[in-house]
Amino acid sequence: MPHDLERRAEKVRAGVVTQAEANVAEHADTPVAEHVAAYLEHLAHKRGKGARRTVNAEHLANVRRSLRLVVAECGFRRLRDLNRDAVERWVHRLLELPDPGVVDAAGTPAAPARPAARTVNVRLVSLTSWGNWLVESGRLVANPFARLRKLDERDDVRRQRRALTTDELRRLLTVARLRPLAEYGRGTVRVVDDARPAKSRATWQRAKLTFDDIVAAAERGRARVRPDVADRLEHAGRERALVYAVLVTTGLRKGELAALTVADVLLDREHPAVVLPGADAKNGVRATLPLRADVAGELRAWIAEKTEAVCGRRIGVAGVMVPPADLPLFYVPSGLVRILDRDLVAAGIPKRDDRGHTVDVHAMRHTFGTHLVAAGVAPRTAQAAMRHSSLDLTMRVYTDPRLLDVAGALAALPALPTNGSTPETGRATGTDDARAVAPSVAPNRGRSRQNGSVRDRSDESTGEPGSARTRSKTHDSRRNPSSGGRTRTGDTRLMKPVL
């Protein structure tokens, strides 16, 4: 090894190879696994987006999983093995796998199934970023994955979420508040099974909770448990209902809500709001989210109870009703999606609709965006409320078209004279004024049309049709009787209505 370094240094001094080529040769025989480990170590100490001090731990785990999988599937052992063709062949093999819904004759799903296009693209992006780092660190001269083409994700969306209706939201919040107590007030249902003994536990089971009897079940549950347990269960139900309400009225993500503290809630200002620190936001940018008046009132009472509980345990300064600034606003469990599934069943809300769109915790954000658009909020305002970088993401992905009043929007259009009615008959019958349509179909007889934009004089020196000089001559010919009243084809087009 020392002799190799000496020979490489002599070649650099003699100009046979460059220093960059010598650095590449130094890392050529190192196993790929060591380069992956070095890249992950680099990412772990890299600054994150915006105000984030480090890269998100979940992102780091995804990159580790993606690189190890691609390296193993493509058979990369040394840096000299890295090439784009091997990756493209690997992607082609993935595309040939059966769809996730395909089952065999026995009804067993096919395994392995084809991954989603977004999953494949995430792995390709991780691979390209790793290649860029290999070049920046002097381990490669060029990135072998620089021109990898990503798959089209538009027609391969595996998880499509739907928005909850107003009635479904009311039912969900009611169930979330009462279900912790109602679980202890469930009745029993006898199971007929002649193979079991008469007094066996298998001959009965707990009755399912429904929206119609959840109030009665909660009352029975309170009577069956100790008062302190009942208070704790009621507190858990209030917290869960408030979590859902804040998610669906602010558009916060689950992780962002879990990171909020009581100091991030500003209730003493004219317009109450929640301040999301940049270190906790997905894009790393600090955001101020306004609160509805009813939600702000619930949060005020909730924070007051938390403050009283903290001072009651003699935490902090005795007698001062000020909670610690780092006190979490809510306890958001990691299994919130499973809790939501049980709440949906009790509320009678289908998890999946006839389109295959589902409801999960992130669907609360979809509900927030959809109800903004359905309420007539300007698209740019909805984009700002959702904290999206593009308007297309707000309107296409986070807006459920089923909840939009398309028929009402069509009814709001102005009346069109499709039945041969004139403006006079339209006004006589009480329909909308035809002048609302007239400006778009009538010609401008006073002067040539202008749209207020800067005039293009680049073709004034020519006599080609459409140039400024030709348009001027045509305009004069219409006003000069000696022209015989001839009109160019481009002018007669103005007389035709555009419907």
Foldseek 3Di string as FASTA:
>chain_A
DVVVVVVLVVCCVVVVDDPLVSLQVVQFPPWVVVLLVVVLVVQQCDQDFAQARHHDPVLSVLLSVLVVVQCVQLVGTGPVSDADVSSVVSVVVLVPFAAQCDADPVRHTDPPHRDFLVSSVSSLVSLQVSQVVCCVVSNDVHRRSPPDDGDDRPVGDPAAADADDPVLLVLLLVLLQQVLLLVQQFDKDAADDPVDDPPDPVGMDTDAAASVCSVVSSVNSCVVDDVVVNVVSNVSSLQRSLVLVCCLAQLDALQQLQQFFPLQWDLPDPFTWGWGQLNRDPNSDIDTTTDDPVSSVSLVVLLQVVLVVCLVVVHDPHPDSDDDRRHRSGHRDPVVFVVSVSSCVRSVHDQADPVRHGDGRSSSSLNNLQVCVQVPHDLVVSCVSNVDPDSCCSPPRSHRVVSHDPVVVVVPDADDCPPVDDQVVCVVVPGDRCVVQVVQFAADPPDDDDDPDDDDQPCCVDCDPPHPVVVVVQVVLCVDVVVVNDHDPVVVVSNGGDD
